[in-house]
Amino acid sequence: MQAMVDEQRRLQQAKQSLEDMEKQKEGSTAEAVCERLGRRQFEEGEDLFAVQWSGIHKMAQTGDIRGLRFFLEDSNTPPNIRDDRGDTPLNTAAHAGQSAAVEELLKHGADVNAKNNKGWTPALSAASTDHRDVMMLLHHAGADLKMKDITGSTAAHMAASTNSVQSIKAIYECFGDPGVLSAQSHNGSTPAHIAAIFDNAEALKALYELGANMDKQDRSGETPAHKAAKSHHVRCVEFLQAVGADMNTTNDEVWVIGIDISM
């Protein structure tokens, strides 16, 4: 508890330093604050590396390359240190779409497939926020876009959940295989199921156009059409009907798909 209080005090001091230095000439702020944070972290030990927002994670999130280099080179901060959520700086940069920061971290040995506490890799993080350029960078650096989180979800599932069409296209481009867009999680859900659940018709359309299976059943026997109909997601139901998805499948409860699309 005392360590948390001390860390909050240090972060408040850093914030105050930033406010004070913003009054000085332009160009000095980022470097000076990075130096203050970096020296404090370096001098006080690796126990500070596990706090939710360490200095290097903040630099990764904002894309501050000078700050990253200070931590990685001058302070010898390990590139794969983790915060309380298990995120490495690369996870953080990927989620924020900071492509330059991603490149810098990779140059310094960041683990391209590092998983956080939920099993999210940098690629899953980038897919969830539709950062296609970051996904391609990670792929070319050796990222496994088929890796799954603790629920069995892949980058394609993440992209479908947030209607991230460009990420879906990037995943297909990396493999050229529609099967990767039909992967099933632990409960049997495909990316199409996820898109239907969240009423993400654009993602559902992209999945269909790239060859994803629209009729797979999950562990409860439900298809994407079931998911859309149960939530009264009319756009998704109409789309699935239009492309010839099976609307007659029954689930384990013998529940037949049905929705008044005039609602």
Protein backbone atom coordinates (compact mmCIF):
# COMPACT_ATOMS: atom_id res chain seq x y z
CA MET A 1 0.00 0.00 0.00
CA GLN A 2 2.79 2.42 0.92
CA ALA A 3 4.50 1.66 -2.39
CA MET A 4 1.32 2.61 -4.23
CA VAL A 5 1.05 5.85 -2.28
CA ASP A 6 4.69 6.64 -3.00
CA GLU A 7 4.22 5.91 -6.70
CA GLN A 8 1.14 8.15 -6.88
CA ARG A 9 3.17 10.91 -5.23
CA ARG A 10 5.97 10.45 -7.77
CA LEU A 11 3.52 10.56 -10.67
CA GLN A 12 1.97 13.74 -9.26
CA GLN A 13 5.43 15.27 -9.00
CA ALA A 14 6.12 14.33 -12.60
CA LYS A 15 2.83 15.91 -13.66
CA GLN A 16 3.73 19.09 -11.80
CA SER A 17 7.14 19.08 -13.46
CA LEU A 18 5.45 18.85 -16.84
CA GLU A 19 3.14 21.76 -16.06
CA ASP A 20 6.07 23.87 -14.87
CA MET A 21 8.22 23.07 -17.85
CA GLU A 22 5.45 23.80 -20.37
CA LYS A 23 6.01 27.39 -19.41
CA GLN A 24 9.56 27.15 -20.71
CA LYS A 25 10.60 27.27 -24.34
CA GLU A 26 9.06 24.79 -26.76
CA GLY A 27 11.02 21.59 -27.32
CA SER A 28 12.40 21.12 -23.84
CA THR A 29 9.39 19.57 -22.13
CA ALA A 30 9.31 15.98 -23.40
CA GLU A 31 13.03 15.42 -23.06
CA ALA A 32 13.27 16.88 -19.57
CA VAL A 33 10.25 15.03 -18.21
CA CYS A 34 11.51 11.76 -19.72
CA GLU A 35 14.83 12.36 -18.05
CA ARG A 36 13.21 12.99 -14.67
CA LEU A 37 10.99 9.91 -14.94
CA GLY A 38 13.78 7.76 -16.34
CA ARG A 39 16.32 8.69 -13.69
CA ARG A 40 13.82 8.15 -10.90
CA GLN A 41 12.85 4.74 -12.27
CA PHE A 42 16.47 3.76 -12.86
CA GLU A 43 17.63 4.86 -9.42
CA GLU A 44 14.76 3.41 -7.37
CA GLY A 45 14.73 -0.11 -8.82
CA GLU A 46 12.76 -2.53 -10.92
CA ASP A 47 9.87 -2.65 -8.46
CA LEU A 48 8.64 0.46 -10.21
CA PHE A 49 8.45 -1.39 -13.51
CA ALA A 50 5.27 -3.18 -12.46
CA VAL A 51 3.12 -0.11 -11.77
CA GLN A 52 0.14 0.43 -14.01
CA TRP A 53 1.66 3.41 -15.82
CA SER A 54 5.44 3.36 -15.82
CA GLY A 55 7.32 6.04 -17.72
CA ILE A 56 8.18 3.85 -20.69
CA HIS A 57 4.55 2.75 -21.09
CA LYS A 58 3.50 6.39 -21.17
CA MET A 59 6.08 7.13 -23.86
CA ALA A 60 4.83 4.14 -25.87
CA GLN A 61 1.22 5.25 -25.55
CA THR A 62 1.96 8.78 -26.73
CA GLY A 63 4.49 7.76 -29.38
CA ASP A 64 7.32 9.79 -27.85
CA ILE A 65 10.41 8.33 -29.56
CA ARG A 66 12.94 10.45 -27.68
CA GLY A 67 11.37 9.33 -24.43
CA LEU A 68 11.47 5.69 -25.46
CA ARG A 69 15.13 5.92 -26.40
CA PHE A 70 15.98 7.49 -23.08
CA PHE A 71 14.39 4.62 -21.17
CA LEU A 72 15.67 1.87 -23.46
CA GLU A 73 19.20 3.16 -24.06
CA ASP A 74 20.19 5.56 -21.30
CA SER A 75 18.30 3.93 -18.42
CA ASN A 76 18.59 0.36 -19.72
CA THR A 77 14.91 -0.26 -19.07
CA PRO A 78 13.98 -3.81 -20.20
CA PRO A 79 11.87 -3.59 -23.38
CA ASN A 80 9.43 -6.24 -22.12
CA ILE A 81 8.61 -4.88 -18.65
CA ARG A 82 4.96 -5.19 -17.75
CA ASP A 83 2.38 -3.01 -16.05
CA ASP A 84 -0.32 -4.28 -13.69
CA ARG A 85 -2.41 -5.50 -16.62
CA GLY A 86 0.51 -7.45 -18.01
CA ASP A 87 0.97 -5.09 -20.95
CA THR A 88 4.45 -4.54 -22.33
CA PRO A 89 5.28 -1.18 -23.92
CA LEU A 90 4.74 -2.88 -27.30
CA ASN A 91 1.21 -3.91 -26.30
CA THR A 92 0.56 -0.32 -25.28
CA ALA A 93 1.99 1.21 -28.46
CA ALA A 94 0.12 -1.26 -30.67
CA HIS A 95 -3.21 -0.55 -29.00
CA ALA A 96 -2.65 3.19 -29.43
CA GLY A 97 -1.66 2.81 -33.09
CA GLN A 98 1.78 4.34 -32.54
CA SER A 99 3.60 2.76 -35.49
CA ALA A 100 6.88 4.64 -34.96
CA ALA A 101 6.93 3.57 -31.31
CA VAL A 102 6.21 -0.01 -32.37
CA GLU A 103 9.18 0.06 -34.74
CA GLU A 104 11.46 1.55 -32.08
CA LEU A 105 10.48 -1.06 -29.51
CA LEU A 106 10.97 -3.90 -31.98
CA LYS A 107 14.46 -2.58 -32.75
CA HIS A 108 15.25 -2.85 -29.06
CA GLY A 109 14.12 -6.45 -28.70
CA ALA A 110 10.47 -6.16 -27.73
CA ASP A 111 8.65 -9.51 -27.77
CA VAL A 112 6.27 -9.34 -30.73
CA ASN A 113 4.02 -12.05 -29.27
CA ALA A 114 4.01 -11.01 -25.60
CA LYS A 115 0.65 -11.68 -23.94
CA ASN A 116 -0.95 -9.56 -21.22
CA ASN A 117 -3.10 -10.88 -18.38
CA LYS A 118 -6.02 -11.44 -20.74
CA GLY A 119 -3.85 -13.18 -23.30
CA TRP A 120 -3.85 -10.23 -25.70
CA THR A 121 -0.77 -9.95 -27.89
CA PRO A 122 0.25 -6.67 -29.54
CA ALA A 123 -1.46 -7.90 -32.72
CA LEU A 124 -4.74 -8.52 -30.91
CA SER A 125 -4.49 -5.05 -29.37
CA ALA A 126 -3.88 -3.42 -32.75
CA ALA A 127 -6.72 -5.37 -34.36
CA SER A 128 -9.19 -4.20 -31.73
CA THR A 129 -8.46 -0.56 -32.54
CA ASP A 130 -8.27 -0.98 -36.34
CA HIS A 131 -4.63 0.00 -36.76
CA ARG A 132 -3.84 -1.79 -40.01
CA ASP A 133 -0.36 -0.29 -40.40
CA VAL A 134 0.65 -1.52 -36.96
CA MET A 135 -0.72 -4.98 -37.66
CA MET A 136 1.33 -5.23 -40.83
CA LEU A 137 4.46 -4.06 -38.98
CA LEU A 138 3.92 -6.72 -36.35
CA HIS A 139 3.24 -9.40 -38.95
CA HIS A 140 6.46 -8.64 -40.81
CA ALA A 141 8.30 -8.76 -37.48
CA GLY A 142 7.06 -12.29 -36.85
CA ALA A 143 3.79 -11.78 -34.99
CA ASP A 144 1.49 -14.79 -34.97
CA LEU A 145 -1.91 -13.41 -35.97
CA LYS A 146 -3.51 -16.76 -35.16
CA MET A 147 -2.60 -16.63 -31.47
CA LYS A 148 -5.54 -16.74 -29.08
CA ASP A 149 -6.32 -14.97 -25.82
CA ILE A 150 -7.65 -16.69 -22.69
CA THR A 151 -11.13 -16.98 -24.26
CA GLY A 152 -9.75 -18.52 -27.44
CA SER A 153 -10.34 -15.34 -29.44
CA THR A 154 -7.99 -14.33 -32.25
CA ALA A 155 -7.12 -11.00 -33.82
CA ALA A 156 -10.03 -11.55 -36.23
CA HIS A 157 -12.45 -11.87 -33.31
CA MET A 158 -11.10 -8.62 -31.84
CA ALA A 159 -11.49 -6.82 -35.15
CA ALA A 160 -15.04 -8.10 -35.55
CA SER A 161 -15.99 -6.94 -32.04
CA THR A 162 -15.02 -3.34 -32.80
CA ASN A 163 -16.12 -3.19 -36.45
CA SER A 164 -12.48 -2.85 -37.47
CA VAL A 165 -12.82 -3.54 -41.19
CA GLN A 166 -9.25 -2.59 -42.11
CA SER A 167 -7.89 -5.01 -39.53
CA ILE A 168 -10.02 -7.81 -40.95
CA LYS A 169 -8.66 -7.09 -44.42
CA ALA A 170 -5.09 -6.99 -43.09
CA ILE A 171 -5.47 -10.38 -41.42
CA TYR A 172 -6.72 -11.89 -44.67
CA GLU A 173 -3.91 -10.22 -46.61
CA CYS A 174 -1.33 -11.78 -44.30
CA PHE A 175 -2.59 -15.32 -44.90
CA GLY A 176 -4.70 -15.33 -48.07
CA ASP A 177 -6.79 -18.00 -46.37
CA PRO A 178 -10.44 -17.37 -45.45
CA GLY A 179 -10.15 -20.09 -42.83
CA VAL A 180 -8.31 -17.72 -40.51
CA LEU A 181 -11.43 -15.53 -40.52
CA SER A 182 -13.58 -18.47 -39.41
CA ALA A 183 -11.51 -19.56 -36.40
CA GLN A 184 -13.56 -20.57 -33.37
CA SER A 185 -13.02 -19.45 -29.79
CA HIS A 186 -13.43 -21.74 -26.77
CA ASN A 187 -17.23 -21.37 -26.92
CA GLY A 188 -17.27 -21.98 -30.66
CA SER A 189 -17.83 -18.38 -31.72
CA THR A 190 -16.36 -17.25 -35.04
CA PRO A 191 -15.60 -13.63 -35.93
CA ALA A 192 -18.95 -13.61 -37.78
CA HIS A 193 -20.74 -14.54 -34.54
CA ILE A 194 -18.98 -11.68 -32.79
CA ALA A 195 -19.83 -9.15 -35.51
CA ALA A 196 -23.49 -10.22 -35.33
CA ILE A 197 -23.57 -9.95 -31.53
CA PHE A 198 -22.28 -6.36 -31.65
CA ASP A 199 -24.39 -5.39 -34.69
CA ASN A 200 -21.26 -4.67 -36.69
CA ALA A 201 -22.73 -5.07 -40.16
CA GLU A 202 -19.68 -3.59 -41.89
CA ALA A 203 -17.38 -6.13 -40.27
CA LEU A 204 -19.82 -8.92 -41.11
CA LYS A 205 -19.86 -7.80 -44.75
CA ALA A 206 -16.05 -7.70 -44.89
CA LEU A 207 -15.83 -11.19 -43.41
CA TYR A 208 -18.32 -12.53 -45.95
CA GLU A 209 -16.58 -10.88 -48.92
CA LEU A 210 -13.27 -12.43 -47.85
CA GLY A 211 -14.76 -15.91 -47.64
CA ALA A 212 -15.51 -16.36 -43.94
CA ASN A 213 -18.10 -18.99 -43.04
CA MET A 214 -21.48 -17.42 -42.23
CA ASP A 215 -23.17 -20.65 -41.09
CA LYS A 216 -20.86 -22.17 -38.48
CA GLN A 217 -22.55 -23.09 -35.22
CA ASP A 218 -21.07 -22.33 -31.82
CA ARG A 219 -21.18 -24.74 -28.87
CA SER A 220 -24.83 -23.90 -28.21
CA GLY A 221 -25.69 -24.65 -31.82
CA GLU A 222 -26.18 -21.02 -32.80
CA THR A 223 -25.14 -19.43 -36.08
CA PRO A 224 -24.32 -15.75 -36.64
CA ALA A 225 -27.94 -15.34 -37.77
CA HIS A 226 -29.17 -16.62 -34.40
CA LYS A 227 -26.99 -14.08 -32.60
CA ALA A 228 -28.23 -11.20 -34.74
CA ALA A 229 -31.89 -12.21 -34.50
CA LYS A 230 -31.84 -12.72 -30.72
CA SER A 231 -30.55 -9.17 -30.27
CA HIS A 232 -32.88 -7.71 -32.93
CA HIS A 233 -29.93 -6.52 -34.96
CA VAL A 234 -31.90 -5.95 -38.13
CA ARG A 235 -29.02 -4.81 -40.33
CA CYS A 236 -27.09 -8.00 -39.71
CA VAL A 237 -30.15 -10.22 -40.18
CA GLU A 238 -31.01 -8.51 -43.45
CA PHE A 239 -27.44 -8.87 -44.68
CA LEU A 240 -27.26 -12.55 -43.79
CA GLN A 241 -30.57 -13.18 -45.53
CA ALA A 242 -29.38 -11.31 -48.61
CA VAL A 243 -26.20 -13.37 -48.97
CA GLY A 244 -27.99 -16.67 -48.53
CA ALA A 245 -26.97 -17.59 -45.01
CA ASP A 246 -28.86 -20.55 -43.57
CA MET A 247 -31.86 -19.11 -41.75
CA ASN A 248 -33.45 -22.48 -40.92
CA THR A 249 -30.85 -23.92 -38.55
CA THR A 250 -32.09 -24.62 -35.02
CA ASN A 251 -29.94 -24.24 -31.95
CA ASP A 252 -29.69 -26.68 -29.03
CA GLU A 253 -32.97 -25.29 -27.66
CA VAL A 254 -34.69 -25.85 -31.03
CA TRP A 255 -34.95 -22.07 -31.33
CA VAL A 256 -35.72 -21.10 -34.92
CA ILE A 257 -34.36 -17.85 -36.32
CA GLY A 258 -37.06 -15.25 -36.61
CA ILE A 259 -37.29 -11.47 -36.48
CA ASP A 260 -39.69 -8.89 -37.81
CA ILE A 261 -37.31 -6.91 -40.01
CA SER A 262 -39.93 -4.19 -40.44
CA MET A 263 -39.37 -3.15 -36.81
